[in-house]
Amino acid sequence: MGKGQIVDKIDLCGNFISLPPRSICYRHIMEAYGGLHLLAKYVGLKQPHYFFKRPTFWQHGWAPDFCKYHPLAVSGEILSHGKMSKEPTYLVGKSSDEEYLKKCGYQNAKAIGLPLVYLPDREIKRIPNTLLVMPVHSLSYTRHTHWNFQAYVNTILSIKNDFDKVIVCIHPSCLENGYWVNEFLDAGFDIVEGAHGSDKNSFYRLELLMRSFEYVTTNGFGSHIAYAAYFGAKVSIFGNFAEHKSEDYEEMYQLTLQDYKEMHIKFCELTSENSLKNFFPFLFQEHPKNAIQRIEWGKYEVGFDARKTPIELKKILGWDICSKMKYFSSYQGVKNALSPFIPSQTKKKIKAIFKV
């Protein structure tokens, strides 16, 4: 058996799949995973607007109904600006998420669905008897030394011959941290890189993968479960379960979540193997081939029914004509409109003058 490779082009039983190239965007937090660019295209804009009716943040990850015990568990974006403020607009997936946040005092919460529900329609051929393996992922500031990487790889090896093609999708943070990579490569599996938070093509990348493979399997909790179900893959949790433990997040607690550590500890408990077997027993399978399509369940979890029309979205974001006129007649609007045309050195001089 030869060593695997990290690839961007997949030979899926004679069907060649080229993943979208990375397109890095950094300007606004709403651009995470390309969400803002999806909205812009959906409402008919060539480029996103970077002004909003009020500061706006959009939940991109899956928040199951068991998350309704703390606002941050529903939308981590509530801490995106460093503190839990109730003034901004918080865009969330499901109507039940909106209702819960409003009960907690976040009156500007609005359910519009998760970003992937705004992907344009396109035909993608699903190849039978193919398996996409998506190990649970780390983050740049988490450490998961208790995960048994080799045991999971051995489990996948034991079923490899039951499929015509098996590819492994690994999160960029795991590639950076060295999780899963060497074990899968040494076992002869090819690897594709998963979604990157600063890549505006991330959701196109995930859609292409999850609509191309018949089966998707993982070994722990993550948004990829709901995404795969929504995209029509037969998704399962299988093999050596990799739990998120509170001690894995000590660096994150020091950075942002120290005051909310107890909340996050509960989240780790709720996403444990025993807990998920209670909430979603149908996801756990003896073999990935036992999984079935659960598109309607996926649609519910990603908030498909909360998807808005282009006109509704423009009004929510402040991109409608009336809101634009009001915004650009303000000092902040004029400042933001002129900002791209003012050289950075001139900006520094202006700031220095006002400081004096």
Protein backbone atom coordinates (compact mmCIF):
# COMPACT_ATOMS: atom_id res chain seq x y z
CA MET A 1 0.00 0.00 0.00
CA GLY A 2 1.45 3.36 -1.04
CA LYS A 3 1.34 6.53 0.99
CA GLY A 4 -1.60 8.85 0.45
CA GLN A 5 -1.43 12.46 -0.76
CA ILE A 6 -3.08 15.77 0.04
CA VAL A 7 -5.04 16.60 -3.11
CA ASP A 8 -7.41 19.20 -4.56
CA LYS A 9 -8.48 17.01 -7.48
CA ILE A 10 -10.23 13.71 -6.82
CA ASP A 11 -10.64 10.75 -9.15
CA LEU A 12 -14.01 9.50 -7.94
CA CYS A 13 -14.40 6.24 -9.85
CA GLY A 14 -13.56 7.91 -13.16
CA ASN A 15 -15.38 11.14 -12.31
CA PHE A 16 -12.82 13.88 -11.75
CA ILE A 17 -13.73 16.49 -9.15
CA SER A 18 -11.70 19.69 -8.89
CA LEU A 19 -12.34 21.58 -5.67
CA PRO A 20 -12.81 25.36 -5.90
CA PRO A 21 -9.56 27.32 -5.41
CA ARG A 22 -9.05 29.16 -2.16
CA SER A 23 -10.13 32.81 -2.27
CA ILE A 24 -9.10 34.49 0.97
CA CYS A 25 -11.16 37.38 2.36
CA TYR A 26 -10.45 39.22 5.60
CA ARG A 27 -12.36 42.49 5.65
CA HIS A 28 -15.47 41.67 7.75
CA ILE A 29 -16.47 38.92 10.17
CA MET A 30 -19.65 38.33 8.12
CA GLU A 31 -17.33 36.95 5.44
CA ALA A 32 -16.59 33.85 7.55
CA TYR A 33 -16.57 30.80 5.27
CA GLY A 34 -17.86 33.05 2.48
CA GLY A 35 -21.27 33.72 4.02
CA LEU A 36 -21.44 37.40 3.12
CA HIS A 37 -20.47 36.66 -0.49
CA LEU A 38 -23.26 34.09 -0.76
CA LEU A 39 -25.74 36.70 0.45
CA ALA A 40 -24.46 39.32 -1.98
CA LYS A 41 -24.85 36.97 -4.93
CA TYR A 42 -28.28 35.84 -3.72
CA VAL A 43 -29.64 39.40 -3.56
CA GLY A 44 -28.12 40.31 -6.94
CA LEU A 45 -24.96 42.21 -6.00
CA LYS A 46 -21.61 41.78 -7.75
CA GLN A 47 -19.76 42.51 -4.50
CA PRO A 48 -20.87 42.49 -0.85
CA HIS A 49 -21.75 45.69 0.94
CA TYR A 50 -19.83 46.20 4.16
CA PHE A 51 -22.36 48.48 5.83
CA PHE A 52 -25.37 47.30 7.83
CA LYS A 53 -28.38 48.75 9.58
CA ARG A 54 -26.54 47.96 12.84
CA PRO A 55 -23.51 45.77 13.66
CA THR A 56 -24.42 42.35 12.28
CA PHE A 57 -23.14 38.84 13.03
CA TRP A 58 -24.20 35.55 11.43
CA GLN A 59 -24.18 32.12 13.00
CA HIS A 60 -22.44 29.73 10.60
CA GLY A 61 -22.26 26.58 12.73
CA TRP A 62 -24.89 24.02 13.67
CA ALA A 63 -26.78 24.72 16.91
CA PRO A 64 -29.01 21.72 17.78
CA ASP A 65 -32.06 22.36 19.95
CA PHE A 66 -30.22 21.13 23.04
CA CYS A 67 -28.12 24.32 22.80
CA LYS A 68 -30.94 26.44 24.18
CA TYR A 69 -29.51 26.75 27.67
CA HIS A 70 -27.29 29.82 27.03
CA PRO A 71 -27.21 32.45 24.24
CA LEU A 72 -23.56 31.70 23.41
CA ALA A 73 -24.39 28.04 22.83
CA VAL A 74 -26.89 29.10 20.17
CA SER A 75 -24.65 31.66 18.49
CA GLY A 76 -20.98 32.00 19.38
CA GLU A 77 -20.97 35.15 17.24
CA ILE A 78 -22.49 36.98 20.24
CA LEU A 79 -18.91 37.28 21.52
CA SER A 80 -17.48 38.27 18.14
CA HIS A 81 -16.93 41.85 19.26
CA GLY A 82 -15.43 40.93 22.63
CA LYS A 83 -18.48 41.25 24.88
CA MET A 84 -22.06 40.03 25.07
CA SER A 85 -23.94 43.04 23.70
CA LYS A 86 -27.67 42.86 22.97
CA GLU A 87 -27.65 45.72 20.46
CA PRO A 88 -26.31 44.12 17.25
CA THR A 89 -28.31 42.06 14.80
CA TYR A 90 -27.67 38.35 15.36
CA LEU A 91 -28.60 36.26 12.35
CA VAL A 92 -29.33 32.67 13.31
CA GLY A 93 -30.45 29.47 11.62
CA LYS A 94 -33.83 28.33 12.95
CA SER A 95 -36.92 30.23 14.05
CA SER A 96 -36.63 28.51 17.43
CA ASP A 97 -33.13 30.00 17.79
CA GLU A 98 -34.54 33.47 17.16
CA GLU A 99 -37.31 32.94 19.71
CA TYR A 100 -34.88 31.75 22.36
CA LEU A 101 -32.47 34.67 21.89
CA LYS A 102 -35.33 37.16 22.03
CA LYS A 103 -36.47 35.62 25.32
CA CYS A 104 -32.92 36.23 26.56
CA GLY A 105 -33.15 39.91 25.60
CA TYR A 106 -31.55 39.83 22.15
CA GLN A 107 -34.39 41.62 20.40
CA ASN A 108 -32.51 42.05 17.13
CA ALA A 109 -32.06 38.29 16.64
CA LYS A 110 -33.36 37.15 13.27
CA ALA A 111 -33.63 33.65 11.80
CA ILE A 112 -32.58 33.56 8.14
CA GLY A 113 -31.04 30.07 7.90
CA LEU A 114 -27.35 29.18 7.96
CA PRO A 115 -25.15 30.48 5.12
CA LEU A 116 -25.21 27.26 3.10
CA VAL A 117 -28.97 27.59 2.39
CA TYR A 118 -28.08 30.50 0.08
CA LEU A 119 -25.89 28.47 -2.23
CA PRO A 120 -27.11 28.74 -5.85
CA ASP A 121 -28.77 25.67 -7.36
CA ARG A 122 -26.44 23.50 -9.40
CA GLU A 123 -26.35 19.90 -10.56
CA ILE A 124 -23.71 17.74 -8.90
CA LYS A 125 -23.44 14.04 -9.74
CA ARG A 126 -23.42 11.77 -6.69
CA ILE A 127 -21.20 8.72 -7.16
CA PRO A 128 -22.60 5.49 -5.64
CA ASN A 129 -20.66 3.46 -3.09
CA THR A 130 -18.22 6.24 -2.20
CA LEU A 131 -17.31 7.34 1.32
CA LEU A 132 -16.11 10.72 2.58
CA VAL A 133 -14.50 10.46 6.03
CA MET A 134 -14.60 13.68 8.05
CA PRO A 135 -12.87 13.30 11.44
CA VAL A 136 -14.01 15.67 14.17
CA HIS A 137 -11.88 18.80 14.01
CA SER A 138 -9.80 20.97 16.27
CA LEU A 139 -9.38 24.75 16.21
CA SER A 140 -6.17 26.77 16.10
CA TYR A 141 -6.39 27.34 19.88
CA THR A 142 -7.56 23.87 21.03
CA ARG A 143 -5.47 20.85 21.99
CA HIS A 144 -6.91 17.32 21.87
CA THR A 145 -4.15 15.01 23.07
CA HIS A 146 -6.65 12.35 24.21
CA TRP A 147 -7.99 11.66 20.70
CA ASN A 148 -6.87 8.22 19.49
CA PHE A 149 -5.91 9.02 15.91
CA GLN A 150 -4.49 5.63 14.98
CA ALA A 151 -7.43 3.68 16.39
CA TYR A 152 -9.87 5.65 14.21
CA VAL A 153 -7.71 5.21 11.12
CA ASN A 154 -7.57 1.47 11.78
CA THR A 155 -11.36 1.37 12.02
CA ILE A 156 -11.72 3.12 8.67
CA LEU A 157 -9.11 0.78 7.18
CA SER A 158 -11.25 -2.19 8.26
CA ILE A 159 -14.15 -1.02 6.03
CA LYS A 160 -12.16 0.54 3.18
CA ASN A 161 -12.73 -2.38 0.81
CA ASP A 162 -16.51 -2.10 1.25
CA PHE A 163 -16.44 1.07 -0.89
CA ASP A 164 -15.24 1.84 -4.40
CA LYS A 165 -13.55 5.03 -3.15
CA VAL A 166 -12.71 6.45 0.26
CA ILE A 167 -11.38 9.99 0.69
CA VAL A 168 -10.60 11.77 3.97
CA CYS A 169 -11.50 15.45 4.51
CA ILE A 170 -9.49 17.13 7.25
CA HIS A 171 -10.07 20.60 8.69
CA PRO A 172 -7.30 23.19 8.12
CA SER A 173 -6.73 23.51 11.89
CA CYS A 174 -6.11 19.76 12.14
CA LEU A 175 -3.66 19.97 9.25
CA GLU A 176 -1.90 22.76 11.14
CA ASN A 177 -1.99 20.88 14.46
CA GLY A 178 -0.93 17.59 12.90
CA TYR A 179 -4.12 15.77 13.89
CA TRP A 180 -5.24 12.75 11.78
CA VAL A 181 -2.95 13.69 8.88
CA ASN A 182 0.07 11.43 9.11
CA GLU A 183 -1.95 8.45 10.29
CA PHE A 184 -4.32 8.62 7.31
CA LEU A 185 -1.53 9.34 4.80
CA ASP A 186 0.57 6.45 6.11
CA ALA A 187 -2.46 4.17 5.77
CA GLY A 188 -2.70 5.08 2.07
CA PHE A 189 -5.68 7.46 2.18
CA ASP A 190 -5.76 10.61 0.08
CA ILE A 191 -6.74 13.76 1.98
CA VAL A 192 -8.60 16.89 0.94
CA GLU A 193 -8.56 20.05 3.02
CA GLY A 194 -11.92 21.09 4.46
CA ALA A 195 -13.52 24.49 4.98
CA HIS A 196 -11.31 27.44 5.91
CA GLY A 197 -12.89 30.33 7.82
CA SER A 198 -11.28 32.98 5.59
CA ASP A 199 -12.08 31.29 2.29
CA LYS A 200 -15.12 32.70 0.50
CA ASN A 201 -15.42 29.45 -1.48
CA SER A 202 -15.67 27.23 1.63
CA PHE A 203 -19.36 26.39 1.31
CA TYR A 204 -18.99 25.68 -2.41
CA ARG A 205 -16.16 23.32 -1.50
CA LEU A 206 -18.22 21.49 1.14
CA GLU A 207 -21.26 21.26 -1.11
CA LEU A 208 -19.25 19.73 -3.94
CA LEU A 209 -17.79 17.11 -1.61
CA MET A 210 -20.99 16.27 0.23
CA ARG A 211 -23.11 16.07 -2.91
CA SER A 212 -20.52 13.94 -4.74
CA PHE A 213 -20.10 11.16 -2.17
CA GLU A 214 -22.93 8.77 -1.31
CA TYR A 215 -21.82 8.36 2.30
CA VAL A 216 -20.26 10.73 4.84
CA THR A 217 -19.04 9.47 8.20
CA THR A 218 -17.45 11.11 11.22
CA ASN A 219 -16.39 10.22 14.75
CA GLY A 220 -17.81 13.08 16.80
CA PHE A 221 -19.97 16.18 16.98
CA GLY A 222 -19.68 18.96 14.42
CA SER A 223 -21.55 21.13 11.93
CA HIS A 224 -20.50 18.79 9.12
CA ILE A 225 -23.16 16.31 10.32
CA ALA A 226 -26.05 18.69 9.66
CA TYR A 227 -24.44 19.99 6.47
CA ALA A 228 -23.99 16.48 5.04
CA ALA A 229 -27.59 15.53 5.82
CA TYR A 230 -28.86 18.73 4.17
CA PHE A 231 -26.79 18.03 1.05
CA GLY A 232 -28.29 14.54 0.77
CA ALA A 233 -25.34 12.41 1.85
CA LYS A 234 -26.02 9.36 4.01
CA VAL A 235 -24.31 10.57 7.16
CA SER A 236 -23.26 8.56 10.20
CA ILE A 237 -21.21 8.64 13.39
CA PHE A 238 -19.02 5.56 13.34
CA GLY A 239 -15.84 4.27 14.96
CA ASN A 240 -13.76 5.52 17.86
CA PHE A 241 -15.62 8.57 19.19
CA ALA A 242 -13.51 11.72 19.68
CA GLU A 243 -15.02 13.79 22.46
CA HIS A 244 -14.53 17.49 23.12
CA LYS A 245 -13.35 17.89 26.71
CA SER A 246 -13.28 21.17 28.62
CA GLU A 247 -9.53 20.87 29.26
CA ASP A 248 -8.95 20.98 25.49
CA TYR A 249 -10.13 24.60 25.50
CA GLU A 250 -7.97 26.14 28.23
CA GLU A 251 -6.31 28.48 25.74
CA MET A 252 -9.72 29.65 24.52
CA TYR A 253 -10.91 30.23 28.08
CA GLN A 254 -7.91 32.48 28.66
CA LEU A 255 -8.52 34.39 25.43
CA THR A 256 -12.28 34.98 25.46
CA LEU A 257 -14.42 32.58 27.46
CA GLN A 258 -13.14 32.70 31.04
CA ASP A 259 -16.42 34.20 32.27
CA TYR A 260 -18.41 31.58 30.37
CA LYS A 261 -16.35 28.50 31.14
CA GLU A 262 -19.19 26.72 32.96
CA MET A 263 -21.44 27.27 29.96
CA HIS A 264 -18.88 25.70 27.64
CA ILE A 265 -18.24 22.77 29.98
CA LYS A 266 -21.94 21.95 29.70
CA PHE A 267 -21.67 22.13 25.91
CA CYS A 268 -18.86 19.57 25.99
CA GLU A 269 -21.04 17.32 28.13
CA LEU A 270 -24.00 17.66 25.74
CA THR A 271 -21.86 16.75 22.73
CA SER A 272 -20.37 13.65 24.38
CA GLU A 273 -20.96 10.21 22.87
CA ASN A 274 -23.57 9.15 25.44
CA SER A 275 -25.44 12.44 25.15
CA LEU A 276 -25.54 12.39 21.34
CA LYS A 277 -26.76 8.80 21.38
CA ASN A 278 -29.67 10.07 23.46
CA PHE A 279 -30.44 13.08 21.23
CA PHE A 280 -29.66 11.55 17.81
CA PRO A 281 -29.55 7.74 18.10
CA PHE A 282 -30.14 7.37 14.34
CA LEU A 283 -26.74 8.89 13.56
CA PHE A 284 -24.82 6.05 15.23
CA GLN A 285 -24.34 3.12 12.89
CA GLU A 286 -22.57 -0.25 13.04
CA HIS A 287 -21.33 0.49 9.51
CA PRO A 288 -21.52 3.70 7.42
CA LYS A 289 -23.43 1.74 4.76
CA ASN A 290 -26.34 1.40 7.18
CA ALA A 291 -26.94 5.16 7.08
CA ILE A 292 -29.84 6.58 5.08
CA GLN A 293 -30.62 10.00 3.63
CA ARG A 294 -32.14 12.42 6.15
CA ILE A 295 -32.61 15.51 4.00
CA GLU A 296 -35.68 16.84 5.84
CA TRP A 297 -33.89 16.54 9.16
CA GLY A 298 -30.91 18.34 7.63
CA LYS A 299 -33.14 21.11 6.29
CA TYR A 300 -34.58 21.66 9.76
CA GLU A 301 -31.18 21.77 11.44
CA VAL A 302 -29.70 24.32 9.01
CA GLY A 303 -32.82 26.51 9.03
CA PHE A 304 -33.86 26.02 5.41
CA ASP A 305 -37.46 27.07 6.17
CA ALA A 306 -36.20 30.38 7.61
CA ARG A 307 -34.49 31.33 4.32
CA LYS A 308 -35.50 34.84 3.25
CA THR A 309 -36.20 36.37 -0.14
CA PRO A 310 -33.69 38.86 -1.59
CA ILE A 311 -36.05 41.76 -0.75
CA GLU A 312 -36.43 40.59 2.85
CA LEU A 313 -32.67 40.19 3.27
CA LYS A 314 -31.92 43.65 1.91
CA LYS A 315 -34.29 45.14 4.47
CA ILE A 316 -32.84 43.08 7.35
CA LEU A 317 -29.26 44.03 6.47
CA GLY A 318 -29.95 47.64 5.58
CA TRP A 319 -29.15 47.13 1.91
CA ASP A 320 -32.51 48.44 0.64
CA ILE A 321 -32.69 51.88 -1.00
CA CYS A 322 -34.16 53.71 2.01
CA SER A 323 -31.58 52.29 4.40
CA LYS A 324 -28.74 53.06 1.97
CA MET A 325 -29.81 56.71 1.66
CA LYS A 326 -30.04 57.08 5.41
CA TYR A 327 -26.67 55.40 5.94
CA PHE A 328 -24.73 57.37 3.34
CA SER A 329 -26.14 60.66 4.58
CA SER A 330 -24.47 59.98 7.95
CA TYR A 331 -20.88 60.75 8.92
CA GLN A 332 -20.04 57.04 9.30
CA GLY A 333 -21.53 56.28 5.90
CA VAL A 334 -19.50 58.98 4.15
CA LYS A 335 -16.38 57.85 5.99
CA ASN A 336 -16.85 54.21 4.96
CA ALA A 337 -17.71 55.17 1.37
CA LEU A 338 -14.52 57.23 0.96
CA SER A 339 -12.27 54.87 2.91
CA PRO A 340 -11.31 52.56 -0.02
CA PHE A 341 -10.12 55.55 -2.04
CA ILE A 342 -7.94 57.17 0.64
CA PRO A 343 -4.30 55.97 0.78
CA SER A 344 -3.32 54.29 4.04
CA GLN A 345 -0.61 56.89 4.72
CA THR A 346 -3.19 59.68 4.42
CA LYS A 347 -5.47 57.84 6.85
CA LYS A 348 -2.63 57.65 9.37
CA LYS A 349 -2.00 61.40 9.05
CA ILE A 350 -5.70 62.18 9.55
CA LYS A 351 -5.83 59.97 12.66
CA ALA A 352 -2.70 61.68 14.02
CA ILE A 353 -4.25 65.12 13.51
CA PHE A 354 -7.45 64.17 15.37
CA LYS A 355 -5.42 62.68 18.22
CA VAL A 356 -3.63 66.02 18.62
